[in-house]
Amino acid sequence: MKGYVHSIESMGTVDGPGIRTVIFFQGCPLRCKYCHNPDTQEFGEGKLTDSEEIVTKVKRFIPYHKASNGGVTFSGGEPLAQPQFLTECLKGCKAAGIHTCIDTAGAGDGNYDEILRYTDLALCDIKNTTEDSFRELCGGSLRRTTEFLRACETHGVRIWIRHVVVPGITDGRGHLEELKRFISNFKRVEKVELLPYHTLGVHKYAAMGRKYELENVPPMDAKLCGQLQKEIFDGELTK
């Protein structure tokens, strides 16, 4: 099975537990205003790659995975947008005894049975907490994210939630309390990570001849983001 890959990071440390091989798939149906990898959005670009080639590359790093309780993470772009390719990559990695993780916004077609059969952990990025605010920020649907989280629960897949904190958009305490209430509906959630918005990818938009829609928004204060994380999310999530 072939699919489009943007790039591969051999020694990732922020996309799941331990040291991980991170496979960035090409193509995403969302257009998040703060996306720092706009070069992964267009479908049909990147390198057309065979799933067996991906599995072979990941196997080379098994000693590092085992030493750190790491594994492989399929990211993007949106990995769920290439479901058959993702399934074959996951299946091959699981057969080799590698811990598997998907880093996703849940922006797939809803048919996740085969994918989640070979998935140990899902890192799910919740963009916003209402259908309208989600659509305004990313052009997609919160319903799809919810469907994916429900599917993870059905299949017993562990869930880590991520949420980008953008000044003036998703940094309000009321908003984050609402996010916590939304997350409390999902009993497989083990962890919530608030990610401070940054502007490190803005230069890519200029290089691609595209306008960056949040050009007047400053980076999120990392210290304040950490404080909000501690006050609202650290501890029991269902309080």
C-alpha atoms as a PDB file:
ATOM      1  CA  MET A   1       0.000   0.000   0.000  1.00  0.00           C
ATOM      2  CA  LYS A   2       1.366   3.395  -0.999  1.00  0.00           C
ATOM      3  CA  GLY A   3       0.712   6.781   0.519  1.00  0.00           C
ATOM      4  CA  TYR A   4       2.113  10.304   0.634  1.00  0.00           C
ATOM      5  CA  VAL A   5       4.654  11.167   3.328  1.00  0.00           C
ATOM      6  CA  HIS A   6       5.928  14.666   4.043  1.00  0.00           C
ATOM      7  CA  SER A   7       8.915  13.773   6.227  1.00  0.00           C
ATOM      8  CA  ILE A   8      10.265  11.432   8.912  1.00  0.00           C
ATOM      9  CA  GLU A   9      11.790  12.385  12.266  1.00  0.00           C
ATOM     10  CA  SER A  10      13.935   9.607  13.673  1.00  0.00           C
ATOM     11  CA  MET A  11      14.324  10.655  17.308  1.00  0.00           C
ATOM     12  CA  GLY A  12      11.201  12.555  18.365  1.00  0.00           C
ATOM     13  CA  THR A  13      10.622  13.251  22.049  1.00  0.00           C
ATOM     14  CA  VAL A  14       7.414  15.341  22.133  1.00  0.00           C
ATOM     15  CA  ASP A  15       4.947  13.169  20.182  1.00  0.00           C
ATOM     16  CA  GLY A  16       4.116  10.511  22.729  1.00  0.00           C
ATOM     17  CA  PRO A  17       6.057   8.628  25.404  1.00  0.00           C
ATOM     18  CA  GLY A  18       9.770   7.909  25.101  1.00  0.00           C
ATOM     19  CA  ILE A  19      11.900   8.273  21.988  1.00  0.00           C
ATOM     20  CA  ARG A  20       9.745   7.955  18.890  1.00  0.00           C
ATOM     21  CA  THR A  21      10.042   7.711  15.159  1.00  0.00           C
ATOM     22  CA  VAL A  22       7.554  10.272  13.824  1.00  0.00           C
ATOM     23  CA  ILE A  23       6.068   9.805  10.353  1.00  0.00           C
ATOM     24  CA  PHE A  24       4.496  13.011   9.030  1.00  0.00           C
ATOM     25  CA  PHE A  25       1.805  12.177   6.481  1.00  0.00           C
ATOM     26  CA  GLN A  26       1.071  14.644   3.687  1.00  0.00           C
ATOM     27  CA  GLY A  27      -2.395  16.158   3.377  1.00  0.00           C
ATOM     28  CA  CYS A  28      -4.939  17.623   5.791  1.00  0.00           C
ATOM     29  CA  PRO A  29      -8.599  18.618   5.296  1.00  0.00           C
ATOM     30  CA  LEU A  30      -8.360  21.324   7.991  1.00  0.00           C
ATOM     31  CA  ARG A  31      -6.969  24.825   7.583  1.00  0.00           C
ATOM     32  CA  CYS A  32      -6.149  25.859  11.147  1.00  0.00           C
ATOM     33  CA  LYS A  33      -5.323  29.545  11.312  1.00  0.00           C
ATOM     34  CA  TYR A  34      -2.292  28.814  13.516  1.00  0.00           C
ATOM     35  CA  CYS A  35      -0.968  25.798  11.602  1.00  0.00           C
ATOM     36  CA  HIS A  36       2.838  25.823  11.812  1.00  0.00           C
ATOM     37  CA  ASN A  37       3.248  23.190   9.090  1.00  0.00           C
ATOM     38  CA  PRO A  38       1.229  24.568   6.139  1.00  0.00           C
ATOM     39  CA  ASP A  39       3.546  22.670   3.816  1.00  0.00           C
ATOM     40  CA  THR A  40       1.877  19.420   4.974  1.00  0.00           C
ATOM     41  CA  GLN A  41      -1.664  20.511   4.059  1.00  0.00           C
ATOM     42  CA  GLU A  42      -1.975  19.884   0.323  1.00  0.00           C
ATOM     43  CA  PHE A  43      -2.920  16.376  -0.792  1.00  0.00           C
ATOM     44  CA  GLY A  44      -0.974  14.606  -3.523  1.00  0.00           C
ATOM     45  CA  GLU A  45       2.309  16.268  -2.615  1.00  0.00           C
ATOM     46  CA  GLY A  46       5.182  14.865  -0.553  1.00  0.00           C
ATOM     47  CA  LYS A  47       6.839  11.537  -1.352  1.00  0.00           C
ATOM     48  CA  LEU A  48       4.796   8.577  -2.541  1.00  0.00           C
ATOM     49  CA  THR A  49       6.008   5.815  -0.220  1.00  0.00           C
ATOM     50  CA  ASP A  50       5.204   2.130   0.316  1.00  0.00           C
ATOM     51  CA  SER A  51       3.963   1.083   3.773  1.00  0.00           C
ATOM     52  CA  GLU A  52       6.564  -1.708   3.864  1.00  0.00           C
ATOM     53  CA  GLU A  53       9.301   0.889   3.401  1.00  0.00           C
ATOM     54  CA  ILE A  54       7.927   2.847   6.369  1.00  0.00           C
ATOM     55  CA  VAL A  55       7.844  -0.231   8.584  1.00  0.00           C
ATOM     56  CA  THR A  56      11.393  -1.169   7.600  1.00  0.00           C
ATOM     57  CA  LYS A  57      12.653   2.308   8.522  1.00  0.00           C
ATOM     58  CA  VAL A  58      10.844   2.286  11.860  1.00  0.00           C
ATOM     59  CA  LYS A  59      12.284  -1.120  12.763  1.00  0.00           C
ATOM     60  CA  ARG A  60      15.799   0.317  12.619  1.00  0.00           C
ATOM     61  CA  PHE A  61      15.049   2.372  15.726  1.00  0.00           C
ATOM     62  CA  ILE A  62      13.590  -0.419  17.851  1.00  0.00           C
ATOM     63  CA  PRO A  63      16.597  -0.395  20.244  1.00  0.00           C
ATOM     64  CA  TYR A  64      15.950   3.291  21.020  1.00  0.00           C
ATOM     65  CA  HIS A  65      12.224   2.655  21.383  1.00  0.00           C
ATOM     66  CA  LYS A  66      12.749  -0.194  23.825  1.00  0.00           C
ATOM     67  CA  ALA A  67      15.307   1.684  25.900  1.00  0.00           C
ATOM     68  CA  SER A  68      12.922   4.602  26.437  1.00  0.00           C
ATOM     69  CA  ASN A  69       9.493   2.925  26.259  1.00  0.00           C
ATOM     70  CA  GLY A  70       8.967   4.760  22.992  1.00  0.00           C
ATOM     71  CA  GLY A  71       7.687   3.706  19.586  1.00  0.00           C
ATOM     72  CA  VAL A  72       6.277   5.159  16.384  1.00  0.00           C
ATOM     73  CA  THR A  73       3.899   8.110  15.973  1.00  0.00           C
ATOM     74  CA  PHE A  74       1.956   8.790  12.790  1.00  0.00           C
ATOM     75  CA  SER A  75       1.347  12.517  12.481  1.00  0.00           C
ATOM     76  CA  GLY A  76       0.787  15.008   9.704  1.00  0.00           C
ATOM     77  CA  GLY A  77      -0.911  16.641   8.058  1.00  0.00           C
ATOM     78  CA  GLU A  78      -3.767  14.407   9.156  1.00  0.00           C
ATOM     79  CA  PRO A  79      -2.910  10.686   9.226  1.00  0.00           C
ATOM     80  CA  LEU A  80      -6.597   9.667   9.262  1.00  0.00           C
ATOM     81  CA  ALA A  81      -6.953  11.248   5.802  1.00  0.00           C
ATOM     82  CA  GLN A  82      -4.982   8.308   4.337  1.00  0.00           C
ATOM     83  CA  PRO A  83      -6.770   5.485   6.201  1.00  0.00           C
ATOM     84  CA  GLN A  84      -5.670   2.465   4.175  1.00  0.00           C
ATOM     85  CA  PHE A  85      -2.034   3.539   4.097  1.00  0.00           C
ATOM     86  CA  LEU A  86      -2.146   4.300   7.823  1.00  0.00           C
ATOM     87  CA  THR A  87      -3.686   0.921   8.592  1.00  0.00           C
ATOM     88  CA  GLU A  88      -0.961  -0.968   6.738  1.00  0.00           C
ATOM     89  CA  CYS A  89       1.785   1.041   8.455  1.00  0.00           C
ATOM     90  CA  LEU A  90       0.239   0.442  11.879  1.00  0.00           C
ATOM     91  CA  LYS A  91      -0.296  -3.236  11.198  1.00  0.00           C
ATOM     92  CA  GLY A  92       3.325  -3.761  10.172  1.00  0.00           C
ATOM     93  CA  CYS A  93       4.665  -1.890  13.197  1.00  0.00           C
ATOM     94  CA  LYS A  94       2.438  -3.797  15.615  1.00  0.00           C
ATOM     95  CA  ALA A  95       3.564  -7.079  14.090  1.00  0.00           C
ATOM     96  CA  ALA A  96       7.142  -6.009  14.895  1.00  0.00           C
ATOM     97  CA  GLY A  97       6.218  -5.328  18.530  1.00  0.00           C
ATOM     98  CA  ILE A  98       6.447  -1.524  18.217  1.00  0.00           C
ATOM     99  CA  HIS A  99       4.262   0.768  20.344  1.00  0.00           C
ATOM    100  CA  THR A 100       1.984   2.699  17.987  1.00  0.00           C
ATOM    101  CA  CYS A 101       0.520   6.184  18.316  1.00  0.00           C
ATOM    102  CA  ILE A 102      -1.594   8.460  16.098  1.00  0.00           C
ATOM    103  CA  ASP A 103      -1.285  12.260  16.399  1.00  0.00           C
ATOM    104  CA  THR A 104      -4.562  13.524  14.953  1.00  0.00           C
ATOM    105  CA  ALA A 105      -7.371  16.061  15.044  1.00  0.00           C
ATOM    106  CA  GLY A 106      -9.860  13.287  14.371  1.00  0.00           C
ATOM    107  CA  ALA A 107     -10.492  14.653  10.879  1.00  0.00           C
ATOM    108  CA  GLY A 108     -11.151  11.327   9.186  1.00  0.00           C
ATOM    109  CA  ASP A 109     -14.131   9.610   7.573  1.00  0.00           C
ATOM    110  CA  GLY A 110     -15.401   7.862  10.705  1.00  0.00           C
ATOM    111  CA  ASN A 111     -14.380   4.321   9.743  1.00  0.00           C
ATOM    112  CA  TYR A 112     -11.759   3.639  12.398  1.00  0.00           C
ATOM    113  CA  ASP A 113     -12.211  -0.037  13.326  1.00  0.00           C
ATOM    114  CA  GLU A 114      -9.161  -1.335  11.460  1.00  0.00           C
ATOM    115  CA  ILE A 115      -6.989   1.655  12.346  1.00  0.00           C
ATOM    116  CA  LEU A 116      -7.682   1.482  16.077  1.00  0.00           C
ATOM    117  CA  ARG A 117      -7.191  -2.278  16.171  1.00  0.00           C
ATOM    118  CA  TYR A 118      -3.475  -1.570  15.732  1.00  0.00           C
ATOM    119  CA  THR A 119      -3.252   1.656  17.763  1.00  0.00           C
ATOM    120  CA  ASP A 120      -1.955   1.828  21.344  1.00  0.00           C
ATOM    121  CA  LEU A 121      -2.297   5.566  21.961  1.00  0.00           C
ATOM    122  CA  ALA A 122      -4.108   8.494  20.344  1.00  0.00           C
ATOM    123  CA  LEU A 123      -2.868  12.065  20.715  1.00  0.00           C
ATOM    124  CA  CYS A 124      -6.005  14.022  19.848  1.00  0.00           C
ATOM    125  CA  ASP A 125      -5.841  17.766  19.189  1.00  0.00           C
ATOM    126  CA  ILE A 126      -9.136  19.399  20.162  1.00  0.00           C
ATOM    127  CA  LYS A 127      -9.190  22.659  18.232  1.00  0.00           C
ATOM    128  CA  ASN A 128     -12.176  24.319  19.904  1.00  0.00           C
ATOM    129  CA  THR A 129     -15.212  23.475  22.030  1.00  0.00           C
ATOM    130  CA  THR A 130     -18.245  24.331  19.867  1.00  0.00           C
ATOM    131  CA  GLU A 131     -19.140  23.522  16.289  1.00  0.00           C
ATOM    132  CA  ASP A 132     -19.170  27.190  15.242  1.00  0.00           C
ATOM    133  CA  SER A 133     -15.896  28.135  16.967  1.00  0.00           C
ATOM    134  CA  PHE A 134     -14.210  25.028  15.572  1.00  0.00           C
ATOM    135  CA  ARG A 135     -15.318  25.869  12.046  1.00  0.00           C
ATOM    136  CA  GLU A 136     -14.196  29.495  12.426  1.00  0.00           C
ATOM    137  CA  LEU A 137     -10.727  28.529  13.645  1.00  0.00           C
ATOM    138  CA  CYS A 138     -10.007  25.519  11.456  1.00  0.00           C
ATOM    139  CA  GLY A 139     -12.681  25.119   8.795  1.00  0.00           C
ATOM    140  CA  GLY A 140     -13.618  21.649  10.034  1.00  0.00           C
ATOM    141  CA  SER A 141     -16.081  19.992  12.377  1.00  0.00           C
ATOM    142  CA  LEU A 142     -15.937  19.226  16.107  1.00  0.00           C
ATOM    143  CA  ARG A 143     -18.349  16.378  15.384  1.00  0.00           C
ATOM    144  CA  ARG A 144     -15.606  14.445  13.620  1.00  0.00           C
ATOM    145  CA  THR A 145     -13.251  14.857  16.563  1.00  0.00           C
ATOM    146  CA  THR A 146     -15.985  13.614  18.886  1.00  0.00           C
ATOM    147  CA  GLU A 147     -16.632  10.596  16.648  1.00  0.00           C
ATOM    148  CA  PHE A 148     -12.951   9.700  16.740  1.00  0.00           C
ATOM    149  CA  LEU A 149     -12.761   9.984  20.539  1.00  0.00           C
ATOM    150  CA  ARG A 150     -15.852   7.778  20.880  1.00  0.00           C
ATOM    151  CA  ALA A 151     -14.259   5.211  18.589  1.00  0.00           C
ATOM    152  CA  CYS A 152     -11.112   5.228  20.749  1.00  0.00           C
ATOM    153  CA  GLU A 153     -13.256   4.485  23.789  1.00  0.00           C
ATOM    154  CA  THR A 154     -15.050   1.653  22.004  1.00  0.00           C
ATOM    155  CA  HIS A 155     -11.724   0.060  21.074  1.00  0.00           C
ATOM    156  CA  GLY A 156     -10.063   0.678  24.448  1.00  0.00           C
ATOM    157  CA  VAL A 157      -7.389   2.988  23.011  1.00  0.00           C
ATOM    158  CA  ARG A 158      -5.627   5.301  25.465  1.00  0.00           C
ATOM    159  CA  ILE A 159      -6.131   9.026  24.797  1.00  0.00           C
ATOM    160  CA  TRP A 160      -3.962  12.075  25.419  1.00  0.00           C
ATOM    161  CA  ILE A 161      -5.625  15.402  24.640  1.00  0.00           C
ATOM    162  CA  ARG A 162      -3.780  18.394  23.213  1.00  0.00           C
ATOM    163  CA  HIS A 163      -5.078  21.944  22.882  1.00  0.00           C
ATOM    164  CA  VAL A 164      -3.301  24.975  21.428  1.00  0.00           C
ATOM    165  CA  VAL A 165      -3.733  28.048  23.640  1.00  0.00           C
ATOM    166  CA  VAL A 166      -3.970  31.133  21.409  1.00  0.00           C
ATOM    167  CA  PRO A 167      -4.071  34.625  23.000  1.00  0.00           C
ATOM    168  CA  GLY A 168      -7.487  36.198  22.609  1.00  0.00           C
ATOM    169  CA  ILE A 169      -8.972  33.041  21.062  1.00  0.00           C
ATOM    170  CA  THR A 170      -8.525  29.949  23.249  1.00  0.00           C
ATOM    171  CA  ASP A 171      -6.768  31.331  26.331  1.00  0.00           C
ATOM    172  CA  GLY A 172      -9.794  32.373  28.404  1.00  0.00           C
ATOM    173  CA  ARG A 173     -10.364  30.594  31.706  1.00  0.00           C
ATOM    174  CA  GLY A 174     -14.035  30.098  30.846  1.00  0.00           C
ATOM    175  CA  HIS A 175     -13.068  28.514  27.536  1.00  0.00           C
ATOM    176  CA  LEU A 176     -10.597  26.159  29.208  1.00  0.00           C
ATOM    177  CA  GLU A 177     -13.152  25.185  31.871  1.00  0.00           C
ATOM    178  CA  GLU A 178     -15.568  24.352  29.041  1.00  0.00           C
ATOM    179  CA  LEU A 179     -12.828  22.295  27.389  1.00  0.00           C
ATOM    180  CA  LYS A 180     -12.385  20.378  30.639  1.00  0.00           C
ATOM    181  CA  ARG A 181     -16.115  19.648  30.796  1.00  0.00           C
ATOM    182  CA  PHE A 182     -16.029  18.433  27.191  1.00  0.00           C
ATOM    183  CA  ILE A 183     -13.063  16.163  27.897  1.00  0.00           C
ATOM    184  CA  SER A 184     -14.725  14.710  31.021  1.00  0.00           C
ATOM    185  CA  ASN A 185     -17.172  12.885  28.715  1.00  0.00           C
ATOM    186  CA  PHE A 186     -14.367  10.581  27.591  1.00  0.00           C
ATOM    187  CA  LYS A 187     -13.197   8.101  30.221  1.00  0.00           C
ATOM    188  CA  ARG A 188     -10.100   6.878  28.338  1.00  0.00           C
ATOM    189  CA  VAL A 189      -8.391  10.290  28.571  1.00  0.00           C
ATOM    190  CA  GLU A 190      -5.219   9.978  30.641  1.00  0.00           C
ATOM    191  CA  LYS A 191      -3.593  13.340  30.066  1.00  0.00           C
ATOM    192  CA  VAL A 192      -4.255  16.876  28.830  1.00  0.00           C
ATOM    193  CA  GLU A 193      -1.484  19.038  27.374  1.00  0.00           C
ATOM    194  CA  LEU A 194      -1.968  22.758  26.821  1.00  0.00           C
ATOM    195  CA  LEU A 195       0.367  23.869  24.044  1.00  0.00           C
ATOM    196  CA  PRO A 196       1.343  27.565  23.947  1.00  0.00           C
ATOM    197  CA  TYR A 197       0.717  29.142  20.547  1.00  0.00           C
ATOM    198  CA  HIS A 198       3.949  30.146  18.786  1.00  0.00           C
ATOM    199  CA  THR A 199       4.910  31.866  15.552  1.00  0.00           C
ATOM    200  CA  LEU A 200       7.828  29.647  14.498  1.00  0.00           C
ATOM    201  CA  GLY A 201       6.114  28.571  11.284  1.00  0.00           C
ATOM    202  CA  VAL A 202       4.990  31.995  10.082  1.00  0.00           C
ATOM    203  CA  HIS A 203       7.905  32.314   7.653  1.00  0.00           C
ATOM    204  CA  LYS A 204       6.600  29.302   5.730  1.00  0.00           C
ATOM    205  CA  TYR A 205       3.475  31.214   4.706  1.00  0.00           C
ATOM    206  CA  ALA A 206       5.547  33.994   3.159  1.00  0.00           C
ATOM    207  CA  ALA A 207       7.667  31.433   1.319  1.00  0.00           C
ATOM    208  CA  MET A 208       4.499  29.792  -0.016  1.00  0.00           C
ATOM    209  CA  GLY A 209       2.966  33.137  -1.009  1.00  0.00           C
ATOM    210  CA  ARG A 210       0.139  32.735   1.492  1.00  0.00           C
ATOM    211  CA  LYS A 211      -1.291  35.172   4.019  1.00  0.00           C
ATOM    212  CA  TYR A 212      -0.925  34.230   7.690  1.00  0.00           C
ATOM    213  CA  GLU A 213      -4.291  34.998   9.274  1.00  0.00           C
ATOM    214  CA  LEU A 214      -3.039  35.468  12.852  1.00  0.00           C
ATOM    215  CA  GLU A 215      -0.160  37.786  11.979  1.00  0.00           C
ATOM    216  CA  ASN A 216      -1.064  40.270  14.744  1.00  0.00           C
ATOM    217  CA  VAL A 217      -1.441  37.652  17.466  1.00  0.00           C
ATOM    218  CA  PRO A 218       1.577  37.424  19.817  1.00  0.00           C
ATOM    219  CA  PRO A 219       2.970  34.101  21.033  1.00  0.00           C
ATOM    220  CA  MET A 220       1.300  32.687  24.132  1.00  0.00           C
ATOM    221  CA  ASP A 221       3.219  33.240  27.351  1.00  0.00           C
ATOM    222  CA  ALA A 222       4.580  29.786  28.166  1.00  0.00           C
ATOM    223  CA  LYS A 223       4.660  30.456  31.907  1.00  0.00           C
ATOM    224  CA  LEU A 224       1.006  31.516  31.943  1.00  0.00           C
ATOM    225  CA  CYS A 225       0.105  28.506  29.820  1.00  0.00           C
ATOM    226  CA  GLY A 226       1.823  26.257  32.346  1.00  0.00           C
ATOM    227  CA  GLN A 227      -0.066  27.959  35.177  1.00  0.00           C
ATOM    228  CA  LEU A 228      -3.404  27.355  33.429  1.00  0.00           C
ATOM    229  CA  GLN A 229      -2.406  23.748  32.859  1.00  0.00           C
ATOM    230  CA  LYS A 230      -1.668  23.265  36.553  1.00  0.00           C
ATOM    231  CA  GLU A 231      -4.746  25.085  37.837  1.00  0.00           C
ATOM    232  CA  ILE A 232      -7.337  23.590  35.490  1.00  0.00           C
ATOM    233  CA  PHE A 233      -6.115  20.268  34.152  1.00  0.00           C
ATOM    234  CA  ASP A 234      -3.500  18.717  36.408  1.00  0.00           C
ATOM    235  CA  GLY A 235      -5.153  16.284  38.772  1.00  0.00           C
ATOM    236  CA  GLU A 236      -8.442  14.483  38.200  1.00  0.00           C
ATOM    237  CA  LEU A 237      -9.901  15.463  34.833  1.00  0.00           C
ATOM    238  CA  THR A 238     -13.528  14.786  35.695  1.00  0.00           C
ATOM    239  CA  LYS A 239     -13.845  17.200  38.625  1.00  0.00           C
END
